[in-house]
Amino acid sequence: MKFVSLKSRGGDYLVVTSNIAWLRTDENDQTKVGIVGSNPLLVSGSIDEVAAAILAG
């Protein structure tokens, strides 16, 4: 199981990468991360920055 740390303004998330379904740009340089079977997470950073963090894992 591969985890990735995603930064948020309210705290950090440790997410299983295989559970990430989609990324969507949100306001104020934030990104929504869709999680399989759960609500999306709002994380800090542009969609490109978040995608790079996920791929770098």
PDB file of N, CA and C in Angstrom:
ATOM      1  N   MET A   1       0.841  -1.160   0.000  1.00  0.00           N
ATOM      2  CA  MET A   1       0.000   0.000   0.000  1.00  0.00           C
ATOM      3  C   MET A   1       0.896   1.236   0.000  1.00  0.00           C
ATOM      4  N   LYS A   2       0.658   2.153  -0.922  1.00  0.00           N
ATOM      5  CA  LYS A   2       1.485   3.345  -1.057  1.00  0.00           C
ATOM      6  C   LYS A   2       0.701   4.563  -0.552  1.00  0.00           C
ATOM      7  N   PHE A   3       1.314   5.330   0.348  1.00  0.00           N
ATOM      8  CA  PHE A   3       0.698   6.518   0.922  1.00  0.00           C
ATOM      9  C   PHE A   3       1.361   7.770   0.375  1.00  0.00           C
ATOM     10  N   VAL A   4       0.599   8.874   0.359  1.00  0.00           N
ATOM     11  CA  VAL A   4       1.141  10.173  -0.001  1.00  0.00           C
ATOM     12  C   VAL A   4       0.627  11.187   1.020  1.00  0.00           C
ATOM     13  N   SER A   5       1.493  12.100   1.423  1.00  0.00           N
ATOM     14  CA  SER A   5       1.117  13.158   2.354  1.00  0.00           C
ATOM     15  C   SER A   5       0.653  14.371   1.557  1.00  0.00           C
ATOM     16  N   LEU A   6      -0.566  14.834   1.834  1.00  0.00           N
ATOM     17  CA  LEU A   6      -1.124  16.008   1.167  1.00  0.00           C
ATOM     18  C   LEU A   6      -1.369  17.096   2.201  1.00  0.00           C
ATOM     19  N   LYS A   7      -0.891  18.289   1.932  1.00  0.00           N
ATOM     20  CA  LYS A   7      -1.000  19.411   2.864  1.00  0.00           C
ATOM     21  C   LYS A   7      -2.351  20.097   2.719  1.00  0.00           C
ATOM     22  N   SER A   8      -2.916  20.518   3.838  1.00  0.00           N
ATOM     23  CA  SER A   8      -4.179  21.237   3.851  1.00  0.00           C
ATOM     24  C   SER A   8      -4.048  22.411   4.812  1.00  0.00           C
ATOM     25  N   ARG A   9      -4.892  23.400   4.654  1.00  0.00           N
ATOM     26  CA  ARG A   9      -4.831  24.550   5.553  1.00  0.00           C
ATOM     27  C   ARG A   9      -5.322  24.199   6.948  1.00  0.00           C
ATOM     28  N   GLY A  10      -6.146  23.148   7.064  1.00  0.00           N
ATOM     29  CA  GLY A  10      -6.666  22.737   8.362  1.00  0.00           C
ATOM     30  C   GLY A  10      -5.891  21.601   8.990  1.00  0.00           C
ATOM     31  N   GLY A  11      -4.941  21.041   8.284  1.00  0.00           N
ATOM     32  CA  GLY A  11      -4.165  19.895   8.760  1.00  0.00           C
ATOM     33  C   GLY A  11      -3.704  19.090   7.567  1.00  0.00           C
ATOM     34  N   ASP A  12      -2.891  18.094   7.800  1.00  0.00           N
ATOM     35  CA  ASP A  12      -2.357  17.292   6.709  1.00  0.00           C
ATOM     36  C   ASP A  12      -3.104  15.959   6.609  1.00  0.00           C
ATOM     37  N   TYR A  13      -3.111  15.386   5.399  1.00  0.00           N
ATOM     38  CA  TYR A  13      -3.745  14.098   5.142  1.00  0.00           C
ATOM     39  C   TYR A  13      -2.684  13.104   4.694  1.00  0.00           C
ATOM     40  N   LEU A  14      -2.833  11.876   5.109  1.00  0.00           N
ATOM     41  CA  LEU A  14      -2.024  10.773   4.611  1.00  0.00           C
ATOM     42  C   LEU A  14      -2.998   9.867   3.866  1.00  0.00           C
ATOM     43  N   VAL A  15      -2.871   9.812   2.533  1.00  0.00           N
ATOM     44  CA  VAL A  15      -3.867   9.183   1.668  1.00  0.00           C
ATOM     45  C   VAL A  15      -3.250   7.988   0.938  1.00  0.00           C
ATOM     46  N   VAL A  16      -4.008   6.913   0.837  1.00  0.00           N
ATOM     47  CA  VAL A  16      -3.597   5.761   0.041  1.00  0.00           C
ATOM     48  C   VAL A  16      -3.753   6.154  -1.426  1.00  0.00           C
ATOM     49  N   THR A  17      -2.680   6.093  -2.192  1.00  0.00           N
ATOM     50  CA  THR A  17      -2.706   6.590  -3.574  1.00  0.00           C
ATOM     51  C   THR A  17      -3.675   5.828  -4.457  1.00  0.00           C
ATOM     52  N   SER A  18      -3.888   4.558  -4.216  1.00  0.00           N
ATOM     53  CA  SER A  18      -4.809   3.794  -5.057  1.00  0.00           C
ATOM     54  C   SER A  18      -6.264   4.169  -4.820  1.00  0.00           C
ATOM     55  N   ASN A  19      -6.555   4.939  -3.763  1.00  0.00           N
ATOM     56  CA  ASN A  19      -7.921   5.391  -3.482  1.00  0.00           C
ATOM     57  C   ASN A  19      -8.227   6.756  -4.092  1.00  0.00           C
ATOM     58  N   ILE A  20      -7.259   7.378  -4.751  1.00  0.00           N
ATOM     59  CA  ILE A  20      -7.494   8.688  -5.365  1.00  0.00           C
ATOM     60  C   ILE A  20      -8.145   8.478  -6.724  1.00  0.00           C
ATOM     61  N   ALA A  21      -9.327   9.082  -6.909  1.00  0.00           N
ATOM     62  CA  ALA A  21     -10.099   8.891  -8.135  1.00  0.00           C
ATOM     63  C   ALA A  21      -9.941  10.044  -9.108  1.00  0.00           C
ATOM     64  N   TRP A  22      -9.868  11.296  -8.604  1.00  0.00           N
ATOM     65  CA  TRP A  22      -9.800  12.451  -9.496  1.00  0.00           C
ATOM     66  C   TRP A  22      -9.234  13.657  -8.752  1.00  0.00           C
ATOM     67  N   LEU A  23      -8.821  14.657  -9.536  1.00  0.00           N
ATOM     68  CA  LEU A  23      -8.361  15.947  -9.012  1.00  0.00           C
ATOM     69  C   LEU A  23      -9.171  17.045  -9.691  1.00  0.00           C
ATOM     70  N   ARG A  24      -9.512  18.074  -8.945  1.00  0.00           N
ATOM     71  CA  ARG A  24     -10.260  19.191  -9.513  1.00  0.00           C
ATOM     72  C   ARG A  24      -9.739  20.505  -8.920  1.00  0.00           C
ATOM     73  N   THR A  25      -9.472  21.468  -9.776  1.00  0.00           N
ATOM     74  CA  THR A  25      -9.024  22.783  -9.321  1.00  0.00           C
ATOM     75  C   THR A  25     -10.132  23.452  -8.522  1.00  0.00           C
ATOM     76  N   ASP A  26      -9.777  24.075  -7.413  1.00  0.00           N
ATOM     77  CA  ASP A  26     -10.718  24.804  -6.581  1.00  0.00           C
ATOM     78  C   ASP A  26     -10.196  26.220  -6.404  1.00  0.00           C
ATOM     79  N   GLU A  27     -10.905  27.035  -5.666  1.00  0.00           N
ATOM     80  CA  GLU A  27     -10.515  28.440  -5.514  1.00  0.00           C
ATOM     81  C   GLU A  27      -9.348  28.595  -4.534  1.00  0.00           C
ATOM     82  N   ASN A  28      -8.730  29.761  -4.560  1.00  0.00           N
ATOM     83  CA  ASN A  28      -7.637  30.129  -3.656  1.00  0.00           C
ATOM     84  C   ASN A  28      -6.450  29.172  -3.717  1.00  0.00           C
ATOM     85  N   ASP A  29      -6.062  28.768  -4.930  1.00  0.00           N
ATOM     86  CA  ASP A  29      -4.913  27.885  -5.143  1.00  0.00           C
ATOM     87  C   ASP A  29      -5.018  26.608  -4.310  1.00  0.00           C
ATOM     88  N   GLN A  30      -6.202  26.001  -4.328  1.00  0.00           N
ATOM     89  CA  GLN A  30      -6.431  24.735  -3.650  1.00  0.00           C
ATOM     90  C   GLN A  30      -6.942  23.716  -4.669  1.00  0.00           C
ATOM     91  N   THR A  31      -6.892  22.457  -4.304  1.00  0.00           N
ATOM     92  CA  THR A  31      -7.325  21.379  -5.185  1.00  0.00           C
ATOM     93  C   THR A  31      -8.204  20.422  -4.405  1.00  0.00           C
ATOM     94  N   LYS A  32      -9.286  19.957  -5.027  1.00  0.00           N
ATOM     95  CA  LYS A  32     -10.117  18.921  -4.435  1.00  0.00           C
ATOM     96  C   LYS A  32      -9.615  17.573  -4.945  1.00  0.00           C
ATOM     97  N   VAL A  33      -9.450  16.637  -4.014  1.00  0.00           N
ATOM     98  CA  VAL A  33      -8.976  15.300  -4.336  1.00  0.00           C
ATOM     99  C   VAL A  33     -10.122  14.332  -4.067  1.00  0.00           C
ATOM    100  N   GLY A  34     -10.609  13.691  -5.130  1.00  0.00           N
ATOM    101  CA  GLY A  34     -11.689  12.724  -4.989  1.00  0.00           C
ATOM    102  C   GLY A  34     -11.165  11.407  -4.463  1.00  0.00           C
ATOM    103  N   ILE A  35     -11.825  10.902  -3.426  1.00  0.00           N
ATOM    104  CA  ILE A  35     -11.426   9.653  -2.786  1.00  0.00           C
ATOM    105  C   ILE A  35     -12.520   8.615  -3.038  1.00  0.00           C
ATOM    106  N   VAL A  36     -12.138   7.425  -3.454  1.00  0.00           N
ATOM    107  CA  VAL A  36     -13.088   6.348  -3.714  1.00  0.00           C
ATOM    108  C   VAL A  36     -13.849   6.030  -2.424  1.00  0.00           C
ATOM    109  N   GLY A  37     -15.186   6.082  -2.486  1.00  0.00           N
ATOM    110  CA  GLY A  37     -16.021   5.736  -1.347  1.00  0.00           C
ATOM    111  C   GLY A  37     -16.059   6.753  -0.238  1.00  0.00           C
ATOM    112  N   SER A  38     -15.638   7.992  -0.502  1.00  0.00           N
ATOM    113  CA  SER A  38     -15.603   9.017   0.537  1.00  0.00           C
ATOM    114  C   SER A  38     -15.840  10.392  -0.077  1.00  0.00           C
ATOM    115  N   ASN A  39     -15.878  11.395   0.766  1.00  0.00           N
ATOM    116  CA  ASN A  39     -16.004  12.770   0.314  1.00  0.00           C
ATOM    117  C   ASN A  39     -14.660  13.285  -0.178  1.00  0.00           C
ATOM    118  N   PRO A  40     -14.660  14.257  -1.102  1.00  0.00           N
ATOM    119  CA  PRO A  40     -13.386  14.816  -1.572  1.00  0.00           C
ATOM    120  C   PRO A  40     -12.661  15.587  -0.469  1.00  0.00           C
ATOM    121  N   LEU A  41     -11.346  15.609  -0.570  1.00  0.00           N
ATOM    122  CA  LEU A  41     -10.510  16.372   0.355  1.00  0.00           C
ATOM    123  C   LEU A  41     -10.103  17.674  -0.306  1.00  0.00           C
ATOM    124  N   LEU A  42     -10.087  18.755   0.445  1.00  0.00           N
ATOM    125  CA  LEU A  42      -9.617  20.040  -0.050  1.00  0.00           C
ATOM    126  C   LEU A  42      -8.191  20.227   0.454  1.00  0.00           C
ATOM    127  N   VAL A  43      -7.234  20.273  -0.476  1.00  0.00           N
ATOM    128  CA  VAL A  43      -5.824  20.371  -0.101  1.00  0.00           C
ATOM    129  C   VAL A  43      -5.198  21.622  -0.704  1.00  0.00           C
ATOM    130  N   SER A  44      -4.085  22.042  -0.141  1.00  0.00           N
ATOM    131  CA  SER A  44      -3.371  23.228  -0.618  1.00  0.00           C
ATOM    132  C   SER A  44      -2.544  22.898  -1.843  1.00  0.00           C
ATOM    133  N   GLY A  45      -2.430  23.868  -2.745  1.00  0.00           N
ATOM    134  CA  GLY A  45      -1.595  23.707  -3.925  1.00  0.00           C
ATOM    135  C   GLY A  45      -2.411  23.587  -5.193  1.00  0.00           C
ATOM    136  N   SER A  46      -1.763  23.925  -6.295  1.00  0.00           N
ATOM    137  CA  SER A  46      -2.420  23.823  -7.594  1.00  0.00           C
ATOM    138  C   SER A  46      -2.590  22.358  -7.970  1.00  0.00           C
ATOM    139  N   ILE A  47      -3.396  22.117  -8.975  1.00  0.00           N
ATOM    140  CA  ILE A  47      -3.622  20.742  -9.430  1.00  0.00           C
ATOM    141  C   ILE A  47      -2.311  20.100  -9.904  1.00  0.00           C
ATOM    142  N   ASP A  48      -1.430  20.891 -10.518  1.00  0.00           N
ATOM    143  CA  ASP A  48      -0.131  20.375 -10.977  1.00  0.00           C
ATOM    144  C   ASP A  48       0.758  19.987  -9.798  1.00  0.00           C
ATOM    145  N   GLU A  49       0.769  20.805  -8.766  1.00  0.00           N
ATOM    146  CA  GLU A  49       1.584  20.514  -7.579  1.00  0.00           C
ATOM    147  C   GLU A  49       1.087  19.260  -6.859  1.00  0.00           C
ATOM    148  N   VAL A  50      -0.229  19.134  -6.741  1.00  0.00           N
ATOM    149  CA  VAL A  50      -0.805  17.972  -6.067  1.00  0.00           C
ATOM    150  C   VAL A  50      -0.544  16.705  -6.888  1.00  0.00           C
ATOM    151  N   ALA A  51      -0.732  16.797  -8.195  1.00  0.00           N
ATOM    152  CA  ALA A  51      -0.475  15.643  -9.064  1.00  0.00           C
ATOM    153  C   ALA A  51       0.986  15.211  -8.976  1.00  0.00           C
ATOM    154  N   ALA A  52       1.905  16.168  -8.939  1.00  0.00           N
ATOM    155  CA  ALA A  52       3.330  15.839  -8.834  1.00  0.00           C
ATOM    156  C   ALA A  52       3.627  15.155  -7.495  1.00  0.00           C
ATOM    157  N   ALA A  53       2.993  15.630  -6.421  1.00  0.00           N
ATOM    158  CA  ALA A  53       3.203  15.006  -5.111  1.00  0.00           C
ATOM    159  C   ALA A  53       2.679  13.571  -5.099  1.00  0.00           C
ATOM    160  N   ILE A  54       1.549  13.353  -5.754  1.00  0.00           N
ATOM    161  CA  ILE A  54       0.974  12.005  -5.798  1.00  0.00           C
ATOM    162  C   ILE A  54       1.861  11.072  -6.612  1.00  0.00           C
ATOM    163  N   LEU A  55       2.324  11.546  -7.755  1.00  0.00           N
ATOM    164  CA  LEU A  55       3.175  10.711  -8.608  1.00  0.00           C
ATOM    165  C   LEU A  55       4.530  10.439  -7.977  1.00  0.00           C
ATOM    166  N   ALA A  56       5.061  11.423  -7.233  1.00  0.00           N
ATOM    167  CA  ALA A  56       6.353  11.236  -6.567  1.00  0.00           C
ATOM    168  C   ALA A  56       6.206  10.281  -5.384  1.00  0.00           C
ATOM    169  N   GLY A  57       5.014  10.335  -4.762  1.00  0.00           N
ATOM    170  CA  GLY A  57       4.635   9.433  -3.677  1.00  0.00           C
ATOM    171  C   GLY A  57       5.674   9.242  -2.640  1.00  0.00           C
TER     172      GLY A  57
END
